Amino acid sequence: MELNFGRIIILVNDYDEAFAFYERTLSCKKFFDITENGQRFLHIGLNSNDKSGIWFHKAETDEQKARVGNQTSGLPLFVVYTNSICEYYEHLLNENVKITREPVEKEDSRFFHFQDLYGNEIVLVEMKTEVSQTN
């Protein structure tokens, strides 16, 4: 039996502004974008061959609207891996993205934190060596 992660759901105020941010900052692409019965389904990701990605869900209720940008109470919403952290750091600075934790160097990795347009915390990580899988 096999399992794979699918989409993480991010509450947004506006589908198009959310996609524009993720496209501009992380080079995300649209995987799926349709509207059925008044409900829009917009799934994005980094690589169209990847099974994981982001599913934007427009906040409709007062409770959902209050959680936009704060779905995890200030903890990181997700982690993105890269092979060029310095390049992405400079890119995000040039895009005026809020860096919330400056780059940190560890024995096995380098990382920094930034926020999306709503204030969701995202971690960008560059591993120095391949991560081994443990059972």
N, C-alpha and C. Protein backbone atom coordinates (compact mmCIF):
# COMPACT_ATOMS: atom_id res chain seq x y z
N MET A 1 0.84 -1.18 0.00
CA MET A 1 0.00 0.00 0.00
C MET A 1 0.88 1.24 0.00
N GLU A 2 0.43 2.26 -0.68
CA GLU A 2 1.21 3.49 -0.82
C GLU A 2 0.36 4.68 -0.44
N LEU A 3 0.97 5.64 0.22
CA LEU A 3 0.33 6.91 0.55
C LEU A 3 1.20 8.04 0.07
N ASN A 4 0.58 9.14 -0.34
CA ASN A 4 1.29 10.36 -0.72
C ASN A 4 0.54 11.54 -0.14
N PHE A 5 1.27 12.57 0.22
CA PHE A 5 0.60 13.80 0.61
C PHE A 5 0.02 14.44 -0.63
N GLY A 6 -1.15 15.04 -0.48
CA GLY A 6 -1.81 15.72 -1.58
C GLY A 6 -1.62 17.22 -1.48
N ARG A 7 -2.67 17.92 -1.14
CA ARG A 7 -2.63 19.39 -1.05
C ARG A 7 -2.75 19.82 0.41
N ILE A 8 -2.06 20.92 0.73
CA ILE A 8 -2.36 21.60 1.98
C ILE A 8 -3.35 22.69 1.62
N ILE A 9 -4.23 23.00 2.52
CA ILE A 9 -5.26 24.01 2.26
C ILE A 9 -4.86 25.30 2.95
N ILE A 10 -4.87 26.38 2.17
CA ILE A 10 -4.58 27.70 2.72
C ILE A 10 -5.82 28.57 2.52
N LEU A 11 -6.30 29.14 3.62
CA LEU A 11 -7.41 30.08 3.54
C LEU A 11 -6.90 31.40 2.96
N VAL A 12 -7.65 31.95 2.01
CA VAL A 12 -7.25 33.20 1.35
C VAL A 12 -8.43 34.16 1.30
N ASN A 13 -8.11 35.44 1.14
CA ASN A 13 -9.15 36.45 0.92
C ASN A 13 -9.52 36.54 -0.55
N ASP A 14 -8.54 36.29 -1.41
CA ASP A 14 -8.75 36.44 -2.84
C ASP A 14 -7.87 35.43 -3.57
N TYR A 15 -8.48 34.61 -4.41
CA TYR A 15 -7.74 33.57 -5.14
C TYR A 15 -6.63 34.16 -6.00
N ASP A 16 -6.96 35.19 -6.77
CA ASP A 16 -6.01 35.71 -7.74
C ASP A 16 -4.83 36.41 -7.09
N GLU A 17 -5.08 37.18 -6.02
CA GLU A 17 -3.95 37.83 -5.35
C GLU A 17 -3.06 36.80 -4.66
N ALA A 18 -3.66 35.74 -4.13
CA ALA A 18 -2.87 34.68 -3.49
C ALA A 18 -2.01 33.97 -4.54
N PHE A 19 -2.62 33.62 -5.67
CA PHE A 19 -1.84 32.96 -6.72
C PHE A 19 -0.73 33.87 -7.22
N ALA A 20 -1.02 35.15 -7.43
CA ALA A 20 -0.01 36.08 -7.92
C ALA A 20 1.20 36.12 -6.98
N PHE A 21 0.95 36.12 -5.67
CA PHE A 21 2.05 36.13 -4.70
C PHE A 21 2.90 34.86 -4.83
N TYR A 22 2.25 33.71 -4.83
CA TYR A 22 2.99 32.44 -4.87
C TYR A 22 3.68 32.22 -6.22
N GLU A 23 3.08 32.73 -7.27
CA GLU A 23 3.71 32.63 -8.59
C GLU A 23 4.95 33.53 -8.63
N ARG A 24 4.82 34.75 -8.14
CA ARG A 24 5.91 35.72 -8.16
C ARG A 24 7.07 35.32 -7.24
N THR A 25 6.75 34.79 -6.07
CA THR A 25 7.80 34.54 -5.08
C THR A 25 8.39 33.14 -5.15
N LEU A 26 7.56 32.12 -5.43
CA LEU A 26 8.04 30.74 -5.44
C LEU A 26 7.90 30.06 -6.80
N SER A 27 7.54 30.83 -7.82
CA SER A 27 7.38 30.30 -9.19
C SER A 27 6.36 29.17 -9.27
N CYS A 28 5.31 29.27 -8.47
CA CYS A 28 4.25 28.25 -8.50
C CYS A 28 3.47 28.33 -9.81
N LYS A 29 2.94 27.20 -10.17
CA LYS A 29 2.11 27.06 -11.38
C LYS A 29 0.73 26.58 -10.97
N LYS A 30 -0.25 26.88 -11.82
CA LYS A 30 -1.60 26.36 -11.59
C LYS A 30 -1.65 24.91 -12.04
N PHE A 31 -2.14 24.05 -11.16
CA PHE A 31 -2.38 22.64 -11.51
C PHE A 31 -3.82 22.47 -11.99
N PHE A 32 -4.73 23.20 -11.35
CA PHE A 32 -6.15 22.95 -11.52
C PHE A 32 -6.88 24.24 -11.16
N ASP A 33 -7.74 24.74 -12.03
CA ASP A 33 -8.47 25.97 -11.74
C ASP A 33 -9.82 25.92 -12.43
N ILE A 34 -10.85 25.54 -11.70
CA ILE A 34 -12.20 25.52 -12.25
C ILE A 34 -13.18 26.08 -11.22
N THR A 35 -14.33 26.49 -11.72
CA THR A 35 -15.41 26.93 -10.85
C THR A 35 -16.62 26.07 -11.15
N GLU A 36 -17.16 25.46 -10.10
CA GLU A 36 -18.36 24.63 -10.22
C GLU A 36 -19.35 25.04 -9.15
N ASN A 37 -20.58 25.29 -9.57
CA ASN A 37 -21.65 25.65 -8.62
C ASN A 37 -21.24 26.79 -7.69
N GLY A 38 -20.56 27.79 -8.25
CA GLY A 38 -20.15 28.95 -7.48
C GLY A 38 -18.92 28.77 -6.62
N GLN A 39 -18.36 27.58 -6.61
CA GLN A 39 -17.17 27.28 -5.80
C GLN A 39 -15.96 27.18 -6.72
N ARG A 40 -14.92 27.95 -6.45
CA ARG A 40 -13.70 27.88 -7.25
C ARG A 40 -12.73 26.90 -6.61
N PHE A 41 -12.11 26.10 -7.44
CA PHE A 41 -11.10 25.15 -7.00
C PHE A 41 -9.79 25.53 -7.68
N LEU A 42 -8.85 26.09 -6.92
CA LEU A 42 -7.56 26.52 -7.45
C LEU A 42 -6.46 25.79 -6.70
N HIS A 43 -5.80 24.89 -7.41
CA HIS A 43 -4.69 24.12 -6.85
C HIS A 43 -3.42 24.57 -7.55
N ILE A 44 -2.37 24.82 -6.78
CA ILE A 44 -1.10 25.28 -7.34
C ILE A 44 0.03 24.43 -6.77
N GLY A 45 1.19 24.54 -7.40
CA GLY A 45 2.35 23.82 -6.88
C GLY A 45 3.62 24.22 -7.59
N LEU A 46 4.69 23.56 -7.22
CA LEU A 46 6.01 23.87 -7.76
C LEU A 46 6.32 23.10 -9.02
N ASN A 47 5.77 21.90 -9.15
CA ASN A 47 6.10 21.04 -10.28
C ASN A 47 4.85 20.25 -10.66
N SER A 48 4.43 20.35 -11.89
CA SER A 48 3.17 19.72 -12.30
C SER A 48 3.20 18.21 -12.18
N ASN A 49 4.39 17.61 -12.07
CA ASN A 49 4.49 16.16 -11.89
C ASN A 49 4.39 15.76 -10.42
N ASP A 50 4.42 16.73 -9.55
CA ASP A 50 4.37 16.46 -8.11
C ASP A 50 2.93 16.25 -7.67
N LYS A 51 2.72 15.33 -6.76
CA LYS A 51 1.38 15.05 -6.26
C LYS A 51 0.98 16.01 -5.15
N SER A 52 1.94 16.71 -4.58
CA SER A 52 1.63 17.64 -3.49
C SER A 52 1.54 19.06 -4.03
N GLY A 53 0.91 19.91 -3.26
CA GLY A 53 0.76 21.30 -3.66
C GLY A 53 -0.12 22.04 -2.67
N ILE A 54 -0.67 23.15 -3.12
CA ILE A 54 -1.50 24.01 -2.29
C ILE A 54 -2.88 24.11 -2.93
N TRP A 55 -3.89 24.05 -2.10
CA TRP A 55 -5.27 24.25 -2.53
C TRP A 55 -5.75 25.50 -1.80
N PHE A 56 -6.02 26.56 -2.55
CA PHE A 56 -6.55 27.77 -1.95
C PHE A 56 -8.04 27.59 -1.69
N HIS A 57 -8.46 28.04 -0.53
CA HIS A 57 -9.88 28.01 -0.17
C HIS A 57 -10.25 29.41 0.29
N LYS A 58 -11.20 30.04 -0.39
CA LYS A 58 -11.60 31.40 -0.02
C LYS A 58 -12.36 31.38 1.30
N ALA A 59 -11.90 32.22 2.21
CA ALA A 59 -12.56 32.33 3.51
C ALA A 59 -13.93 32.96 3.32
N GLU A 60 -14.95 32.29 3.80
CA GLU A 60 -16.33 32.76 3.65
C GLU A 60 -16.95 33.15 4.98
N THR A 61 -16.78 32.31 5.99
CA THR A 61 -17.41 32.58 7.29
C THR A 61 -16.54 33.53 8.11
N ASP A 62 -17.13 34.11 9.14
CA ASP A 62 -16.36 34.98 10.02
C ASP A 62 -15.19 34.23 10.66
N GLU A 63 -15.43 32.99 11.05
CA GLU A 63 -14.36 32.18 11.66
C GLU A 63 -13.22 31.95 10.67
N GLN A 64 -13.56 31.61 9.43
CA GLN A 64 -12.53 31.40 8.41
C GLN A 64 -11.78 32.70 8.13
N LYS A 65 -12.49 33.80 8.01
CA LYS A 65 -11.85 35.09 7.74
C LYS A 65 -10.88 35.47 8.85
N ALA A 66 -11.24 35.13 10.09
CA ALA A 66 -10.35 35.43 11.22
C ALA A 66 -9.08 34.59 11.18
N ARG A 67 -9.11 33.47 10.50
CA ARG A 67 -7.96 32.57 10.46
C ARG A 67 -7.05 32.80 9.24
N VAL A 68 -7.46 33.64 8.31
CA VAL A 68 -6.60 33.92 7.15
C VAL A 68 -5.28 34.50 7.67
N GLY A 69 -4.19 33.88 7.29
CA GLY A 69 -2.87 34.32 7.74
C GLY A 69 -2.48 33.82 9.12
N ASN A 70 -3.36 33.07 9.76
CA ASN A 70 -3.08 32.60 11.11
C ASN A 70 -3.67 31.21 11.35
N GLN A 71 -3.55 30.35 10.37
CA GLN A 71 -4.11 29.01 10.49
C GLN A 71 -3.37 28.16 11.50
N THR A 72 -2.11 28.49 11.78
CA THR A 72 -1.29 27.67 12.67
C THR A 72 -0.84 28.45 13.91
N SER A 73 -1.53 29.51 14.22
CA SER A 73 -1.24 30.32 15.42
C SER A 73 0.22 30.76 15.49
N GLY A 74 0.76 31.18 14.36
CA GLY A 74 2.12 31.71 14.32
C GLY A 74 3.21 30.70 14.04
N LEU A 75 2.87 29.43 14.04
CA LEU A 75 3.85 28.40 13.67
C LEU A 75 3.94 28.31 12.15
N PRO A 76 5.03 27.76 11.61
CA PRO A 76 5.12 27.64 10.16
C PRO A 76 3.97 26.80 9.58
N LEU A 77 3.47 27.25 8.45
CA LEU A 77 2.40 26.55 7.75
C LEU A 77 2.95 25.38 6.95
N PHE A 78 4.13 25.59 6.33
CA PHE A 78 4.78 24.51 5.59
C PHE A 78 6.24 24.84 5.36
N VAL A 79 6.97 23.85 4.85
CA VAL A 79 8.40 23.96 4.57
C VAL A 79 8.62 23.71 3.09
N VAL A 80 9.47 24.52 2.47
CA VAL A 80 9.85 24.34 1.07
C VAL A 80 11.35 24.08 1.03
N TYR A 81 11.76 23.10 0.26
CA TYR A 81 13.18 22.78 0.11
C TYR A 81 13.71 23.36 -1.20
N THR A 82 14.96 23.80 -1.17
CA THR A 82 15.61 24.36 -2.34
C THR A 82 17.06 23.89 -2.38
N ASN A 83 17.68 24.07 -3.53
CA ASN A 83 19.11 23.80 -3.64
C ASN A 83 19.90 25.10 -3.78
N SER A 84 19.21 26.25 -3.62
CA SER A 84 19.89 27.54 -3.77
C SER A 84 19.25 28.58 -2.83
N ILE A 85 19.47 28.40 -1.55
CA ILE A 85 18.82 29.25 -0.56
C ILE A 85 19.23 30.72 -0.67
N CYS A 86 20.49 30.99 -0.99
CA CYS A 86 20.96 32.37 -1.10
C CYS A 86 20.24 33.10 -2.23
N GLU A 87 20.08 32.41 -3.33
CA GLU A 87 19.38 33.00 -4.48
C GLU A 87 17.93 33.32 -4.13
N TYR A 88 17.24 32.41 -3.45
CA TYR A 88 15.85 32.66 -3.06
C TYR A 88 15.74 33.75 -2.01
N TYR A 89 16.68 33.79 -1.10
CA TYR A 89 16.67 34.84 -0.09
C TYR A 89 16.74 36.22 -0.76
N GLU A 90 17.67 36.39 -1.68
CA GLU A 90 17.80 37.65 -2.41
C GLU A 90 16.54 37.94 -3.23
N HIS A 91 16.01 36.92 -3.88
CA HIS A 91 14.78 37.08 -4.67
C HIS A 91 13.63 37.58 -3.81
N LEU A 92 13.44 36.97 -2.64
CA LEU A 92 12.34 37.38 -1.77
C LEU A 92 12.56 38.79 -1.23
N LEU A 93 13.79 39.15 -0.92
CA LEU A 93 14.08 40.52 -0.50
C LEU A 93 13.72 41.50 -1.62
N ASN A 94 14.10 41.17 -2.84
CA ASN A 94 13.79 42.03 -3.98
C ASN A 94 12.29 42.14 -4.24
N GLU A 95 11.53 41.14 -3.82
CA GLU A 95 10.07 41.16 -3.97
C GLU A 95 9.38 41.78 -2.75
N ASN A 96 10.18 42.34 -1.84
CA ASN A 96 9.66 42.98 -0.62
C ASN A 96 8.85 42.04 0.26
N VAL A 97 9.26 40.79 0.30
CA VAL A 97 8.62 39.79 1.15
C VAL A 97 9.18 39.95 2.56
N LYS A 98 8.31 39.83 3.56
CA LYS A 98 8.75 39.98 4.95
C LYS A 98 9.50 38.73 5.40
N ILE A 99 10.78 38.93 5.74
CA ILE A 99 11.61 37.86 6.29
C ILE A 99 11.44 37.93 7.81
N THR A 100 10.99 36.84 8.41
CA THR A 100 10.71 36.84 9.85
C THR A 100 11.81 36.18 10.67
N ARG A 101 12.64 35.40 10.03
CA ARG A 101 13.82 34.82 10.68
C ARG A 101 14.94 34.79 9.66
N GLU A 102 15.98 35.52 9.96
CA GLU A 102 17.12 35.61 9.04
C GLU A 102 17.76 34.24 8.86
N PRO A 103 18.54 34.07 7.78
CA PRO A 103 19.15 32.76 7.52
C PRO A 103 19.95 32.23 8.72
N VAL A 104 19.76 30.94 8.96
CA VAL A 104 20.44 30.23 10.04
C VAL A 104 21.21 29.08 9.41
N GLU A 105 22.45 28.92 9.86
CA GLU A 105 23.30 27.83 9.36
C GLU A 105 23.39 26.76 10.44
N LYS A 106 23.01 25.55 10.08
CA LYS A 106 23.13 24.39 10.96
C LYS A 106 24.12 23.42 10.33
N GLU A 107 24.44 22.37 11.05
CA GLU A 107 25.39 21.39 10.54
C GLU A 107 24.92 20.75 9.23
N ASP A 108 23.63 20.46 9.16
CA ASP A 108 23.10 19.73 8.00
C ASP A 108 22.23 20.57 7.07
N SER A 109 22.00 21.85 7.42
CA SER A 109 21.08 22.64 6.61
C SER A 109 21.27 24.13 6.84
N ARG A 110 20.65 24.90 5.96
CA ARG A 110 20.50 26.35 6.12
C ARG A 110 19.03 26.64 5.90
N PHE A 111 18.50 27.62 6.63
CA PHE A 111 17.08 27.94 6.48
C PHE A 111 16.79 29.36 6.90
N PHE A 112 15.66 29.87 6.47
CA PHE A 112 15.11 31.13 6.95
C PHE A 112 13.60 31.06 6.86
N HIS A 113 12.94 31.98 7.56
CA HIS A 113 11.48 32.04 7.57
C HIS A 113 11.02 33.32 6.87
N PHE A 114 9.90 33.23 6.19
CA PHE A 114 9.28 34.41 5.60
C PHE A 114 7.77 34.26 5.67
N GLN A 115 7.07 35.36 5.37
CA GLN A 115 5.61 35.34 5.41
C GLN A 115 5.04 35.51 4.02
N ASP A 116 3.89 34.87 3.81
CA ASP A 116 3.18 35.10 2.55
C ASP A 116 2.38 36.40 2.68
N LEU A 117 1.59 36.72 1.69
CA LEU A 117 0.87 37.99 1.66
C LEU A 117 -0.11 38.15 2.81
N TYR A 118 -0.52 37.05 3.44
CA TYR A 118 -1.48 37.12 4.55
C TYR A 118 -0.83 36.99 5.92
N GLY A 119 0.45 36.68 5.95
CA GLY A 119 1.15 36.52 7.22
C GLY A 119 1.42 35.09 7.61
N ASN A 120 1.07 34.13 6.75
CA ASN A 120 1.40 32.73 7.03
C ASN A 120 2.91 32.56 7.00
N GLU A 121 3.45 31.89 8.01
CA GLU A 121 4.89 31.65 8.12
C GLU A 121 5.29 30.45 7.25
N ILE A 122 6.32 30.64 6.44
CA ILE A 122 6.84 29.59 5.56
C ILE A 122 8.34 29.46 5.84
N VAL A 123 8.84 28.25 5.83
CA VAL A 123 10.27 28.00 6.05
C VAL A 123 10.88 27.53 4.73
N LEU A 124 11.98 28.15 4.34
CA LEU A 124 12.72 27.73 3.15
C LEU A 124 14.03 27.10 3.64
N VAL A 125 14.29 25.86 3.20
CA VAL A 125 15.42 25.08 3.70
C VAL A 125 16.27 24.58 2.55
N GLU A 126 17.58 24.64 2.76
CA GLU A 126 18.53 23.97 1.85
C GLU A 126 19.29 22.95 2.68
N MET A 127 19.14 21.69 2.32
CA MET A 127 19.87 20.62 3.00
C MET A 127 21.28 20.58 2.43
N LYS A 128 22.27 20.36 3.28
CA LYS A 128 23.65 20.28 2.81
C LYS A 128 23.96 18.91 2.22
N THR A 129 23.26 17.90 2.68
CA THR A 129 23.40 16.55 2.14
C THR A 129 22.01 15.95 2.01
N GLU A 130 21.90 14.88 1.27
CA GLU A 130 20.62 14.20 1.12
C GLU A 130 20.10 13.76 2.48
N VAL A 131 18.82 13.96 2.69
CA VAL A 131 18.20 13.52 3.94
C VAL A 131 17.93 12.04 3.83
N SER A 132 18.41 11.29 4.81
CA SER A 132 18.16 9.84 4.78
C SER A 132 16.81 9.56 5.42
N GLN A 133 16.13 8.57 4.89
CA GLN A 133 14.84 8.18 5.43
C GLN A 133 15.05 7.15 6.52
N THR A 134 14.38 7.37 7.63
CA THR A 134 14.45 6.40 8.72
C THR A 134 13.06 5.87 9.00
N ASN A 135 13.01 4.64 9.42
CA ASN A 135 11.71 4.03 9.73
C ASN A 135 11.43 4.09 11.21
